[in-house]
Amino acid sequence: MTFDTLSTRAQVARLRLTALEALRQYPFDVTALKLLNHGFNTTFGVRTAAGQRFALRLNIHSKRSSQQLVAESAWLEALGRETELNLPVPQCNLEGQLNSRVYSPDLNRKLMATLFSWLPGKDLGDDATPAQMREVGRAAATLHAHALEWRFPEGAALVSLQHPLMDSPNNLSTDTPLLDDEARKVIHTVFARVSAVLRDLFARDTPRALHADLHNGNLKWARGKLYVFDFDDSGVGVPMQDLAIAAYYLRPDQALEAALLEGYQSVAALPVYSSAEYEAIVAGRNLVLLNDMLVVTTAELRAILPRYVHNSITKLRHSLERGVFKHDVAGLVPAR
C-alpha cells in the first residue's frame, strides 16, 4: 500500500515518526507532538521538557525548491531580528542551520523540515476589526521596507511574481468541460490585462520579497498583538501585489479594506498605482485561485468545483464590464 492510498490517520501516524526523527536534530527533549495541519504541508505542535513550544513544518507537497525554502527561512530570521514584527522565526538545528532534512521511508525521499517559534492566538478569519486591519497594513509596510534593503544569502532565491499565475503552471488552458468558449474568452482578457499591469508595475517599482498571501487566515491576534505567518507563497514582487491580494479576501467590506490602506500609510507612502491597475491585480487573485482549483484532487474541493468555476467567471466578467472586482455580484450560484 502506497502512502497516497493510506487514510489520513495512517498518513499522520507515519509522518509523526518522521517528525520525531527530524526533531533529533535540535537541542532539546520532545515531550509532546500534536498535529496542527495535514494538507499541502504537515505541521506539528511541539512541546519540550523545558516547557518550550514550537511548530515543526514538514514540506510534503510543496513546489518550492531548496533555494526557495532557504530564502524563506533566511528572510523570516532577518525579520525576527531586525523588525518588531511578530512572526514564526526559524530555529537553528544542531549544525546551526535554519532548515533540516529528514528521510521519509514512506515517501522514499528527504523532506525539508523547519522548526518555527510558536505563535499564540487565533486566526483573524472573518472576525477582523478595522483596528486590526490597520495593524495588518502597518505590518505590510514594515515587510516591504525591510525587503527593499534585505539581500538574499548565497544559495537562496525566491520566484518572480511578475507572471499573472505567480509561479504555478497554467492550468487555465487545459481541456475541461467546465470552461466553455465564453469563459475562456473572459479568462484570456483578464489574463492579458493582469500581464500588462504587472509589466508596468515591475518597471516602475523595485521588486523585492513579498509575503504574497496576506489574508486573514495567515494572521493571528493575541493580547492586542498581530502575528503574521505562512510565508510559503513568498516571492519577488512589488508592494501593491500584497495589498491587492489582501483586498481580494476583504471584499465587500470597504471599511476593512480602507483600514488596511490607512495602516499602511501610517508607516509609508502607498505604492504608486491607478485604481484600474489595483482592480486588475485584485481580479488576478481570482485567476490564481481558479488555476489551482482546476487541478485539485481533494474530493471535498472537487465537489464544489463546478460552482466555483461558474462563480469565478461571473465575477471576472463583472470586473471587465464594471472595472471593479466584487464577490457580491448577480448570477452567482449559492452554496448548498
C-alpha atoms as a PDB file:
ATOM      1  CA  MET A   1       0.000   0.000   0.000  1.00  0.00           C
ATOM      2  CA  THR A   2       1.459   3.345  -1.049  1.00  0.00           C
ATOM      3  CA  PHE A   3       1.460   6.458   1.128  1.00  0.00           C
ATOM      4  CA  ASP A   4      -1.115   8.170  -1.131  1.00  0.00           C
ATOM      5  CA  THR A   5      -3.618   5.365  -0.589  1.00  0.00           C
ATOM      6  CA  LEU A   6      -3.395   5.428   3.204  1.00  0.00           C
ATOM      7  CA  SER A   7      -6.096   7.042   5.306  1.00  0.00           C
ATOM      8  CA  THR A   8      -5.447  10.491   6.744  1.00  0.00           C
ATOM      9  CA  ARG A   9      -4.972   8.942  10.174  1.00  0.00           C
ATOM     10  CA  ALA A  10      -2.433   6.452   8.867  1.00  0.00           C
ATOM     11  CA  GLN A  11      -0.532   9.133   6.937  1.00  0.00           C
ATOM     12  CA  VAL A  12      -0.287  11.332  10.018  1.00  0.00           C
ATOM     13  CA  ALA A  13       0.907   8.387  12.120  1.00  0.00           C
ATOM     14  CA  ARG A  14       3.719   7.710   9.644  1.00  0.00           C
ATOM     15  CA  LEU A  15       4.656  11.386   9.409  1.00  0.00           C
ATOM     16  CA  ARG A  16       4.700  11.658  13.185  1.00  0.00           C
ATOM     17  CA  LEU A  17       7.612   9.209  13.208  1.00  0.00           C
ATOM     18  CA  THR A  18       9.359  11.278  10.553  1.00  0.00           C
ATOM     19  CA  ALA A  19       8.771  14.439  12.578  1.00  0.00           C
ATOM     20  CA  LEU A  20      10.286  12.850  15.687  1.00  0.00           C
ATOM     21  CA  GLU A  21      13.309  11.865  13.633  1.00  0.00           C
ATOM     22  CA  ALA A  22      13.674  15.435  12.364  1.00  0.00           C
ATOM     23  CA  LEU A  23      13.475  16.779  15.911  1.00  0.00           C
ATOM     24  CA  ARG A  24      16.550  14.741  16.876  1.00  0.00           C
ATOM     25  CA  GLN A  25      18.483  17.431  15.004  1.00  0.00           C
ATOM     26  CA  TYR A  26      17.537  20.062  17.621  1.00  0.00           C
ATOM     27  CA  PRO A  27      18.979  20.648  21.120  1.00  0.00           C
ATOM     28  CA  PHE A  28      16.024  19.702  23.325  1.00  0.00           C
ATOM     29  CA  ASP A  29      13.933  16.778  24.537  1.00  0.00           C
ATOM     30  CA  VAL A  30      10.475  16.473  22.989  1.00  0.00           C
ATOM     31  CA  THR A  31       7.674  15.607  25.403  1.00  0.00           C
ATOM     32  CA  ALA A  32       4.624  16.092  23.158  1.00  0.00           C
ATOM     33  CA  LEU A  33       3.822  16.254  19.474  1.00  0.00           C
ATOM     34  CA  LYS A  34       0.368  17.348  18.269  1.00  0.00           C
ATOM     35  CA  LEU A  35      -0.916  17.589  14.703  1.00  0.00           C
ATOM     36  CA  LEU A  36      -1.778  21.156  13.691  1.00  0.00           C
ATOM     37  CA  ASN A  37      -2.362  20.722   9.976  1.00  0.00           C
ATOM     38  CA  HIS A  38      -2.129  17.950   7.398  1.00  0.00           C
ATOM     39  CA  GLY A  39      -2.622  19.187   3.871  1.00  0.00           C
ATOM     40  CA  PHE A  40      -0.306  20.883   1.431  1.00  0.00           C
ATOM     41  CA  ASN A  41       2.340  20.652   4.159  1.00  0.00           C
ATOM     42  CA  THR A  42       2.121  18.862   7.509  1.00  0.00           C
ATOM     43  CA  THR A  43       2.729  20.810  10.713  1.00  0.00           C
ATOM     44  CA  PHE A  44       3.047  19.533  14.277  1.00  0.00           C
ATOM     45  CA  GLY A  45       2.964  21.475  17.514  1.00  0.00           C
ATOM     46  CA  VAL A  46       5.989  20.620  19.655  1.00  0.00           C
ATOM     47  CA  ARG A  47       6.439  20.778  23.423  1.00  0.00           C
ATOM     48  CA  THR A  48       9.787  20.269  25.135  1.00  0.00           C
ATOM     49  CA  ALA A  49      10.883  19.145  28.591  1.00  0.00           C
ATOM     50  CA  ALA A  50      11.912  22.746  29.299  1.00  0.00           C
ATOM     51  CA  GLY A  51       8.386  23.985  28.586  1.00  0.00           C
ATOM     52  CA  GLN A  52       9.178  25.472  25.177  1.00  0.00           C
ATOM     53  CA  ARG A  53       6.693  25.400  22.311  1.00  0.00           C
ATOM     54  CA  PHE A  54       7.457  25.263  18.596  1.00  0.00           C
ATOM     55  CA  ALA A  55       5.806  24.380  15.285  1.00  0.00           C
ATOM     56  CA  LEU A  56       7.529  21.856  13.016  1.00  0.00           C
ATOM     57  CA  ARG A  57       6.659  22.047   9.318  1.00  0.00           C
ATOM     58  CA  LEU A  58       7.353  19.118   7.020  1.00  0.00           C
ATOM     59  CA  ASN A  59       7.254  20.097   3.342  1.00  0.00           C
ATOM     60  CA  ILE A  60       5.286  17.199   1.899  1.00  0.00           C
ATOM     61  CA  HIS A  61       3.783  18.548  -1.327  1.00  0.00           C
ATOM     62  CA  SER A  62       5.482  21.918  -1.616  1.00  0.00           C
ATOM     63  CA  LYS A  63       6.505  23.008  -5.113  1.00  0.00           C
ATOM     64  CA  ARG A  64       9.292  25.079  -3.595  1.00  0.00           C
ATOM     65  CA  SER A  65      12.911  24.298  -4.345  1.00  0.00           C
ATOM     66  CA  SER A  66      15.515  24.057  -1.594  1.00  0.00           C
ATOM     67  CA  GLN A  67      16.780  27.513  -2.665  1.00  0.00           C
ATOM     68  CA  GLN A  68      13.304  28.972  -2.146  1.00  0.00           C
ATOM     69  CA  LEU A  69      12.856  27.331   1.258  1.00  0.00           C
ATOM     70  CA  VAL A  70      16.272  28.588   2.363  1.00  0.00           C
ATOM     71  CA  ALA A  71      15.316  32.094   1.214  1.00  0.00           C
ATOM     72  CA  GLU A  72      12.008  31.982   3.105  1.00  0.00           C
ATOM     73  CA  SER A  73      13.755  30.938   6.324  1.00  0.00           C
ATOM     74  CA  ALA A  74      16.551  33.471   5.902  1.00  0.00           C
ATOM     75  CA  TRP A  75      14.093  36.333   5.402  1.00  0.00           C
ATOM     76  CA  LEU A  76      11.993  35.282   8.399  1.00  0.00           C
ATOM     77  CA  GLU A  77      15.083  35.072  10.570  1.00  0.00           C
ATOM     78  CA  ALA A  78      16.173  38.542   9.466  1.00  0.00           C
ATOM     79  CA  LEU A  79      12.676  39.962  10.022  1.00  0.00           C
ATOM     80  CA  GLY A  80      12.584  38.500  13.511  1.00  0.00           C
ATOM     81  CA  ARG A  81      15.970  40.006  14.321  1.00  0.00           C
ATOM     82  CA  GLU A  82      15.673  43.387  12.604  1.00  0.00           C
ATOM     83  CA  THR A  83      11.998  44.393  12.962  1.00  0.00           C
ATOM     84  CA  GLU A  84       9.346  44.426  15.684  1.00  0.00           C
ATOM     85  CA  LEU A  85       7.037  42.164  13.689  1.00  0.00           C
ATOM     86  CA  ASN A  86       5.637  39.073  15.407  1.00  0.00           C
ATOM     87  CA  LEU A  87       6.170  36.102  13.135  1.00  0.00           C
ATOM     88  CA  PRO A  88       7.371  32.466  13.116  1.00  0.00           C
ATOM     89  CA  VAL A  89      11.144  32.633  13.472  1.00  0.00           C
ATOM     90  CA  PRO A  90      13.034  29.556  12.179  1.00  0.00           C
ATOM     91  CA  GLN A  91      15.153  27.843  14.834  1.00  0.00           C
ATOM     92  CA  CYS A  92      18.718  26.659  14.250  1.00  0.00           C
ATOM     93  CA  ASN A  93      19.409  22.946  14.395  1.00  0.00           C
ATOM     94  CA  LEU A  94      22.495  21.402  15.996  1.00  0.00           C
ATOM     95  CA  GLU A  95      24.524  22.306  12.908  1.00  0.00           C
ATOM     96  CA  GLY A  96      23.460  25.941  13.046  1.00  0.00           C
ATOM     97  CA  GLN A  97      21.181  25.649  10.004  1.00  0.00           C
ATOM     98  CA  LEU A  98      17.665  27.117   9.743  1.00  0.00           C
ATOM     99  CA  ASN A  99      16.393  24.170   7.693  1.00  0.00           C
ATOM    100  CA  SER A 100      16.815  20.455   8.258  1.00  0.00           C
ATOM    101  CA  ARG A 101      16.376  17.443   6.032  1.00  0.00           C
ATOM    102  CA  VAL A 102      14.855  14.178   7.153  1.00  0.00           C
ATOM    103  CA  TYR A 103      14.367  10.964   5.202  1.00  0.00           C
ATOM    104  CA  SER A 104      10.805   9.685   4.896  1.00  0.00           C
ATOM    105  CA  PRO A 105      10.735   5.936   4.197  1.00  0.00           C
ATOM    106  CA  ASP A 106       7.070   6.227   3.224  1.00  0.00           C
ATOM    107  CA  LEU A 107       7.729   8.846   0.548  1.00  0.00           C
ATOM    108  CA  ASN A 108      11.177   7.438  -0.237  1.00  0.00           C
ATOM    109  CA  ARG A 109      12.827  10.860  -0.261  1.00  0.00           C
ATOM    110  CA  LYS A 110      14.212  13.513   2.019  1.00  0.00           C
ATOM    111  CA  LEU A 111      11.825  16.175   3.241  1.00  0.00           C
ATOM    112  CA  MET A 112      12.689  19.714   4.229  1.00  0.00           C
ATOM    113  CA  ALA A 113      11.825  20.306   7.874  1.00  0.00           C
ATOM    114  CA  THR A 114      11.699  23.725   9.511  1.00  0.00           C
ATOM    115  CA  LEU A 115      11.157  24.407  13.195  1.00  0.00           C
ATOM    116  CA  PHE A 116       9.449  27.729  13.952  1.00  0.00           C
ATOM    117  CA  SER A 117       8.866  29.692  17.121  1.00  0.00           C
ATOM    118  CA  TRP A 118       5.339  29.279  18.490  1.00  0.00           C
ATOM    119  CA  LEU A 119       2.643  31.820  17.656  1.00  0.00           C
ATOM    120  CA  PRO A 120      -0.202  32.326  20.161  1.00  0.00           C
ATOM    121  CA  GLY A 121      -3.740  33.469  19.444  1.00  0.00           C
ATOM    122  CA  LYS A 122      -6.352  32.538  16.869  1.00  0.00           C
ATOM    123  CA  ASP A 123      -6.676  33.405  13.197  1.00  0.00           C
ATOM    124  CA  LEU A 124      -8.258  36.763  12.396  1.00  0.00           C
ATOM    125  CA  GLY A 125     -10.552  34.986   9.957  1.00  0.00           C
ATOM    126  CA  ASP A 126     -13.907  36.674   9.385  1.00  0.00           C
ATOM    127  CA  ASP A 127     -13.875  38.469  12.725  1.00  0.00           C
ATOM    128  CA  ALA A 128     -11.247  41.124  11.953  1.00  0.00           C
ATOM    129  CA  THR A 129     -11.967  44.699  13.008  1.00  0.00           C
ATOM    130  CA  PRO A 130     -10.828  47.913  11.293  1.00  0.00           C
ATOM    131  CA  ALA A 131      -8.337  48.477  14.126  1.00  0.00           C
ATOM    132  CA  GLN A 132      -6.811  45.051  13.485  1.00  0.00           C
ATOM    133  CA  MET A 133      -6.675  45.643   9.737  1.00  0.00           C
ATOM    134  CA  ARG A 134      -4.792  48.881  10.351  1.00  0.00           C
ATOM    135  CA  GLU A 135      -2.187  46.765  12.116  1.00  0.00           C
ATOM    136  CA  VAL A 136      -2.094  44.449   9.095  1.00  0.00           C
ATOM    137  CA  GLY A 137      -1.435  47.477   6.894  1.00  0.00           C
ATOM    138  CA  ARG A 138       1.357  48.600   9.218  1.00  0.00           C
ATOM    139  CA  ALA A 139       2.866  45.128   9.103  1.00  0.00           C
ATOM    140  CA  ALA A 140       2.720  45.051   5.294  1.00  0.00           C
ATOM    141  CA  ALA A 141       4.522  48.396   5.068  1.00  0.00           C
ATOM    142  CA  THR A 142       7.172  47.138   7.506  1.00  0.00           C
ATOM    143  CA  LEU A 143       7.674  43.970   5.470  1.00  0.00           C
ATOM    144  CA  HIS A 144       8.086  45.971   2.268  1.00  0.00           C
ATOM    145  CA  ALA A 145      10.524  48.459   3.789  1.00  0.00           C
ATOM    146  CA  HIS A 146      12.673  45.668   5.202  1.00  0.00           C
ATOM    147  CA  ALA A 147      12.623  43.675   1.958  1.00  0.00           C
ATOM    148  CA  LEU A 148      13.791  46.707  -0.011  1.00  0.00           C
ATOM    149  CA  GLU A 149      17.111  46.657   1.889  1.00  0.00           C
ATOM    150  CA  TRP A 150      17.434  42.934   2.540  1.00  0.00           C
ATOM    151  CA  ARG A 151      19.621  40.800   0.292  1.00  0.00           C
ATOM    152  CA  PHE A 152      19.268  37.085  -0.372  1.00  0.00           C
ATOM    153  CA  PRO A 153      22.078  34.991   1.122  1.00  0.00           C
ATOM    154  CA  GLU A 154      24.150  32.783  -1.128  1.00  0.00           C
ATOM    155  CA  GLY A 155      22.225  29.761  -2.366  1.00  0.00           C
ATOM    156  CA  ALA A 156      18.829  31.350  -1.702  1.00  0.00           C
ATOM    157  CA  ALA A 157      16.248  32.631  -4.197  1.00  0.00           C
ATOM    158  CA  LEU A 158      12.515  33.276  -4.477  1.00  0.00           C
ATOM    159  CA  VAL A 159      10.398  33.011  -7.616  1.00  0.00           C
ATOM    160  CA  SER A 160       9.329  36.090  -9.548  1.00  0.00           C
ATOM    161  CA  LEU A 161       5.690  37.072  -9.107  1.00  0.00           C
ATOM    162  CA  GLN A 162       5.526  39.027 -12.364  1.00  0.00           C
ATOM    163  CA  HIS A 163       3.502  36.264 -14.062  1.00  0.00           C
ATOM    164  CA  PRO A 164      -0.291  36.502 -13.557  1.00  0.00           C
ATOM    165  CA  LEU A 165      -0.336  32.972 -12.113  1.00  0.00           C
ATOM    166  CA  MET A 166       2.701  33.669  -9.933  1.00  0.00           C
ATOM    167  CA  ASP A 167       4.852  30.519 -10.016  1.00  0.00           C
ATOM    168  CA  SER A 168       2.155  27.997 -10.980  1.00  0.00           C
ATOM    169  CA  PRO A 169       1.841  26.185 -14.312  1.00  0.00           C
ATOM    170  CA  ASN A 170      -1.009  27.414 -16.490  1.00  0.00           C
ATOM    171  CA  ASN A 171      -3.981  25.099 -15.985  1.00  0.00           C
ATOM    172  CA  LEU A 172      -6.484  27.577 -17.399  1.00  0.00           C
ATOM    173  CA  SER A 173      -5.882  26.384 -20.950  1.00  0.00           C
ATOM    174  CA  THR A 174      -6.472  22.716 -20.137  1.00  0.00           C
ATOM    175  CA  ASP A 175      -9.219  20.814 -21.922  1.00  0.00           C
ATOM    176  CA  THR A 176     -12.074  20.750 -19.426  1.00  0.00           C
ATOM    177  CA  PRO A 177     -15.852  20.893 -19.958  1.00  0.00           C
ATOM    178  CA  LEU A 178     -16.037  23.314 -17.034  1.00  0.00           C
ATOM    179  CA  LEU A 179     -14.726  26.109 -19.266  1.00  0.00           C
ATOM    180  CA  ASP A 180     -16.732  26.927 -22.393  1.00  0.00           C
ATOM    181  CA  ASP A 181     -15.610  29.301 -25.133  1.00  0.00           C
ATOM    182  CA  GLU A 182     -17.126  32.336 -23.447  1.00  0.00           C
ATOM    183  CA  ALA A 183     -15.415  31.509 -20.136  1.00  0.00           C
ATOM    184  CA  ARG A 184     -12.087  31.073 -21.893  1.00  0.00           C
ATOM    185  CA  LYS A 185     -12.527  34.464 -23.551  1.00  0.00           C
ATOM    186  CA  VAL A 186     -13.101  36.093 -20.153  1.00  0.00           C
ATOM    187  CA  ILE A 187     -10.030  34.352 -18.728  1.00  0.00           C
ATOM    188  CA  HIS A 188      -7.891  35.353 -21.706  1.00  0.00           C
ATOM    189  CA  THR A 189      -8.928  39.002 -21.434  1.00  0.00           C
ATOM    190  CA  VAL A 190      -8.297  39.201 -17.675  1.00  0.00           C
ATOM    191  CA  PHE A 191      -5.010  37.330 -18.069  1.00  0.00           C
ATOM    192  CA  ALA A 192      -3.802  39.788 -20.709  1.00  0.00           C
ATOM    193  CA  ARG A 193      -4.844  42.773 -18.609  1.00  0.00           C
ATOM    194  CA  VAL A 194      -3.074  41.477 -15.491  1.00  0.00           C
ATOM    195  CA  SER A 195       0.052  40.700 -17.535  1.00  0.00           C
ATOM    196  CA  ALA A 196       0.202  44.252 -18.871  1.00  0.00           C
ATOM    197  CA  VAL A 197      -0.333  45.813 -15.436  1.00  0.00           C
ATOM    198  CA  LEU A 198       2.337  43.642 -13.814  1.00  0.00           C
ATOM    199  CA  ARG A 199       4.794  44.517 -16.574  1.00  0.00           C
ATOM    200  CA  ASP A 200       4.240  48.221 -15.923  1.00  0.00           C
ATOM    201  CA  LEU A 201       4.356  47.863 -12.124  1.00  0.00           C
ATOM    202  CA  PHE A 202       7.624  45.934 -12.207  1.00  0.00           C
ATOM    203  CA  ALA A 203       9.115  48.614 -14.470  1.00  0.00           C
ATOM    204  CA  ARG A 204       8.049  51.452 -12.120  1.00  0.00           C
ATOM    205  CA  ASP A 205       8.672  49.958  -8.695  1.00  0.00           C
ATOM    206  CA  THR A 206      11.526  47.993  -7.117  1.00  0.00           C
ATOM    207  CA  PRO A 207      10.772  44.244  -6.943  1.00  0.00           C
ATOM    208  CA  ARG A 208      11.514  42.716  -3.542  1.00  0.00           C
ATOM    209  CA  ALA A 209      10.484  39.825  -1.308  1.00  0.00           C
ATOM    210  CA  LEU A 210       6.732  39.750  -0.610  1.00  0.00           C
ATOM    211  CA  HIS A 211       4.550  37.644   1.664  1.00  0.00           C
ATOM    212  CA  ALA A 212       2.204  37.163  -1.337  1.00  0.00           C
ATOM    213  CA  ASP A 213      -0.620  35.534   0.637  1.00  0.00           C
ATOM    214  CA  LEU A 214      -1.545  38.191   3.175  1.00  0.00           C
ATOM    215  CA  HIS A 215      -5.085  37.171   4.102  1.00  0.00           C
ATOM    216  CA  ASN A 216      -6.761  36.776   7.480  1.00  0.00           C
ATOM    217  CA  GLY A 217      -6.216  33.015   7.560  1.00  0.00           C
ATOM    218  CA  ASN A 218      -2.489  33.734   7.729  1.00  0.00           C
ATOM    219  CA  LEU A 219      -2.782  36.283  10.529  1.00  0.00           C
ATOM    220  CA  LYS A 220      -3.242  35.715  14.253  1.00  0.00           C
ATOM    221  CA  TRP A 221      -4.247  38.060  17.042  1.00  0.00           C
ATOM    222  CA  ALA A 222      -3.353  37.619  20.692  1.00  0.00           C
ATOM    223  CA  ARG A 223      -3.344  40.090  23.605  1.00  0.00           C
ATOM    224  CA  GLY A 224      -3.583  43.086  21.323  1.00  0.00           C
ATOM    225  CA  LYS A 225      -0.777  41.982  19.019  1.00  0.00           C
ATOM    226  CA  LEU A 226      -0.768  40.893  15.373  1.00  0.00           C
ATOM    227  CA  TYR A 227       1.135  37.792  14.276  1.00  0.00           C
ATOM    228  CA  VAL A 228       1.950  37.183  10.598  1.00  0.00           C
ATOM    229  CA  PHE A 229       2.681  33.634   9.414  1.00  0.00           C
ATOM    230  CA  ASP A 230       2.677  31.263   6.425  1.00  0.00           C
ATOM    231  CA  PHE A 231       5.326  32.723   4.142  1.00  0.00           C
ATOM    232  CA  ASP A 232       5.142  29.585   1.999  1.00  0.00           C
ATOM    233  CA  ASP A 233       3.969  31.577  -1.059  1.00  0.00           C
ATOM    234  CA  SER A 234       6.558  34.339  -0.694  1.00  0.00           C
ATOM    235  CA  GLY A 235       8.199  35.562  -3.879  1.00  0.00           C
ATOM    236  CA  VAL A 236       9.759  38.585  -5.531  1.00  0.00           C
ATOM    237  CA  GLY A 237       7.177  41.173  -6.498  1.00  0.00           C
ATOM    238  CA  VAL A 238       6.069  44.762  -5.971  1.00  0.00           C
ATOM    239  CA  PRO A 239       4.295  46.059  -2.817  1.00  0.00           C
ATOM    240  CA  MET A 240       0.961  46.737  -4.482  1.00  0.00           C
ATOM    241  CA  GLN A 241       0.540  42.997  -5.053  1.00  0.00           C
ATOM    242  CA  ASP A 242       0.431  42.296  -1.308  1.00  0.00           C
ATOM    243  CA  LEU A 243      -2.216  44.996  -0.818  1.00  0.00           C
ATOM    244  CA  ALA A 244      -4.375  43.789  -3.707  1.00  0.00           C
ATOM    245  CA  ILE A 245      -4.169  40.169  -2.560  1.00  0.00           C
ATOM    246  CA  ALA A 246      -5.263  41.188   0.935  1.00  0.00           C
ATOM    247  CA  ALA A 247      -8.105  43.287  -0.531  1.00  0.00           C
ATOM    248  CA  TYR A 248      -9.400  40.308  -2.532  1.00  0.00           C
ATOM    249  CA  TYR A 249     -10.250  38.467   0.679  1.00  0.00           C
ATOM    250  CA  LEU A 250     -11.668  41.522   2.471  1.00  0.00           C
ATOM    251  CA  ARG A 251     -14.294  42.448  -0.093  1.00  0.00           C
ATOM    252  CA  PRO A 252     -17.085  43.536   0.048  1.00  0.00           C
ATOM    253  CA  ASP A 253     -16.163  45.065   3.444  1.00  0.00           C
ATOM    254  CA  GLN A 254     -14.986  48.515   2.356  1.00  0.00           C
ATOM    255  CA  ALA A 255     -14.236  49.595   5.935  1.00  0.00           C
ATOM    256  CA  LEU A 256     -11.715  46.794   6.405  1.00  0.00           C
ATOM    257  CA  GLU A 257     -10.046  47.472   3.063  1.00  0.00           C
ATOM    258  CA  ALA A 258      -9.820  51.180   3.845  1.00  0.00           C
ATOM    259  CA  ALA A 259      -8.342  50.407   7.276  1.00  0.00           C
ATOM    260  CA  LEU A 260      -5.688  48.207   5.638  1.00  0.00           C
ATOM    261  CA  LEU A 261      -4.551  51.089   3.420  1.00  0.00           C
ATOM    262  CA  GLU A 262      -4.743  53.585   6.295  1.00  0.00           C
ATOM    263  CA  GLY A 263      -2.475  51.411   8.376  1.00  0.00           C
ATOM    264  CA  TYR A 264      -0.008  51.125   5.533  1.00  0.00           C
ATOM    265  CA  GLN A 265       0.077  54.897   5.080  1.00  0.00           C
ATOM    266  CA  SER A 266       0.814  55.395   8.774  1.00  0.00           C
ATOM    267  CA  VAL A 267       4.209  53.763   8.138  1.00  0.00           C
ATOM    268  CA  ALA A 268       4.999  54.509   4.478  1.00  0.00           C
ATOM    269  CA  ALA A 269       3.535  56.101   1.383  1.00  0.00           C
ATOM    270  CA  LEU A 270       1.287  53.847  -0.648  1.00  0.00           C
ATOM    271  CA  PRO A 271       2.841  52.432  -3.816  1.00  0.00           C
ATOM    272  CA  VAL A 272       2.020  54.438  -6.934  1.00  0.00           C
ATOM    273  CA  TYR A 273      -0.789  52.808  -8.902  1.00  0.00           C
ATOM    274  CA  SER A 274      -4.068  53.717 -10.569  1.00  0.00           C
ATOM    275  CA  SER A 275      -7.422  52.350  -9.444  1.00  0.00           C
ATOM    276  CA  ALA A 276      -7.636  50.387 -12.711  1.00  0.00           C
ATOM    277  CA  GLU A 277      -4.267  48.756 -12.045  1.00  0.00           C
ATOM    278  CA  TYR A 278      -5.265  47.928  -8.488  1.00  0.00           C
ATOM    279  CA  GLU A 279      -8.541  46.350  -9.583  1.00  0.00           C
ATOM    280  CA  ALA A 280      -6.753  44.297 -12.225  1.00  0.00           C
ATOM    281  CA  ILE A 281      -4.435  42.754  -9.639  1.00  0.00           C
ATOM    282  CA  VAL A 282      -7.344  42.094  -7.264  1.00  0.00           C
ATOM    283  CA  ALA A 283      -9.107  40.238 -10.104  1.00  0.00           C
ATOM    284  CA  GLY A 284      -5.845  38.481 -10.885  1.00  0.00           C
ATOM    285  CA  ARG A 285      -6.032  36.800  -7.492  1.00  0.00           C
ATOM    286  CA  ASN A 286      -9.186  35.026  -8.643  1.00  0.00           C
ATOM    287  CA  LEU A 287      -7.268  33.785 -11.688  1.00  0.00           C
ATOM    288  CA  VAL A 288      -4.571  32.300  -9.425  1.00  0.00           C
ATOM    289  CA  LEU A 289      -7.129  30.519  -7.236  1.00  0.00           C
ATOM    290  CA  LEU A 290      -9.156  29.271 -10.200  1.00  0.00           C
ATOM    291  CA  ASN A 291      -5.968  27.971 -11.805  1.00  0.00           C
ATOM    292  CA  ASP A 292      -5.155  25.972  -8.660  1.00  0.00           C
ATOM    293  CA  MET A 293      -8.714  24.690  -8.228  1.00  0.00           C
ATOM    294  CA  LEU A 294      -8.784  23.152 -11.691  1.00  0.00           C
ATOM    295  CA  VAL A 295      -6.212  20.547 -10.648  1.00  0.00           C
ATOM    296  CA  VAL A 296      -7.237  19.809  -7.063  1.00  0.00           C
ATOM    297  CA  THR A 297      -7.637  16.150  -6.145  1.00  0.00           C
ATOM    298  CA  THR A 298      -9.363  16.506  -2.768  1.00  0.00           C
ATOM    299  CA  ALA A 299     -12.871  15.056  -3.011  1.00  0.00           C
ATOM    300  CA  GLU A 300     -14.425  17.878  -0.997  1.00  0.00           C
ATOM    301  CA  LEU A 301     -12.986  20.557  -3.285  1.00  0.00           C
ATOM    302  CA  ARG A 302     -13.761  18.617  -6.460  1.00  0.00           C
ATOM    303  CA  ALA A 303     -17.410  18.546  -5.390  1.00  0.00           C
ATOM    304  CA  ILE A 304     -17.668  22.336  -5.365  1.00  0.00           C
ATOM    305  CA  LEU A 305     -15.558  22.865  -8.485  1.00  0.00           C
ATOM    306  CA  PRO A 306     -18.433  23.444 -10.989  1.00  0.00           C
ATOM    307  CA  ARG A 307     -19.939  26.121  -8.740  1.00  0.00           C
ATOM    308  CA  TYR A 308     -16.534  27.660  -8.073  1.00  0.00           C
ATOM    309  CA  VAL A 309     -15.711  27.882 -11.795  1.00  0.00           C
ATOM    310  CA  HIS A 310     -19.101  29.399 -12.652  1.00  0.00           C
ATOM    311  CA  ASN A 311     -18.863  31.987  -9.874  1.00  0.00           C
ATOM    312  CA  SER A 312     -15.275  32.893 -10.723  1.00  0.00           C
ATOM    313  CA  ILE A 313     -16.126  33.537 -14.372  1.00  0.00           C
ATOM    314  CA  THR A 314     -19.161  35.601 -13.300  1.00  0.00           C
ATOM    315  CA  LYS A 315     -17.016  37.776 -11.021  1.00  0.00           C
ATOM    316  CA  LEU A 316     -14.243  38.157 -13.591  1.00  0.00           C
ATOM    317  CA  ARG A 317     -16.732  39.112 -16.307  1.00  0.00           C
ATOM    318  CA  HIS A 318     -18.227  41.722 -13.978  1.00  0.00           C
ATOM    319  CA  SER A 319     -14.751  43.140 -13.280  1.00  0.00           C
ATOM    320  CA  LEU A 320     -14.167  43.564 -17.019  1.00  0.00           C
ATOM    321  CA  GLU A 321     -17.525  45.246 -17.551  1.00  0.00           C
ATOM    322  CA  ARG A 322     -17.545  47.498 -14.464  1.00  0.00           C
ATOM    323  CA  GLY A 323     -13.846  47.961 -13.693  1.00  0.00           C
ATOM    324  CA  VAL A 324     -14.249  46.765 -10.094  1.00  0.00           C
ATOM    325  CA  PHE A 325     -13.795  43.238  -8.743  1.00  0.00           C
ATOM    326  CA  LYS A 326     -16.590  42.173  -6.389  1.00  0.00           C
ATOM    327  CA  HIS A 327     -17.675  38.966  -4.656  1.00  0.00           C
ATOM    328  CA  ASP A 328     -21.314  40.068  -4.361  1.00  0.00           C
ATOM    329  CA  VAL A 329     -22.446  40.228  -7.973  1.00  0.00           C
ATOM    330  CA  ALA A 330     -25.617  38.968  -9.647  1.00  0.00           C
ATOM    331  CA  GLY A 331     -25.716  35.498 -11.155  1.00  0.00           C
ATOM    332  CA  LEU A 332     -23.678  33.602  -8.540  1.00  0.00           C
ATOM    333  CA  VAL A 333     -24.617  30.044  -7.653  1.00  0.00           C
ATOM    334  CA  PRO A 334     -25.079  29.876  -3.858  1.00  0.00           C
ATOM    335  CA  ALA A 335     -23.558  27.160  -1.704  1.00  0.00           C
ATOM    336  CA  ARG A 336     -25.972  24.424  -0.732  1.00  0.00           C
END
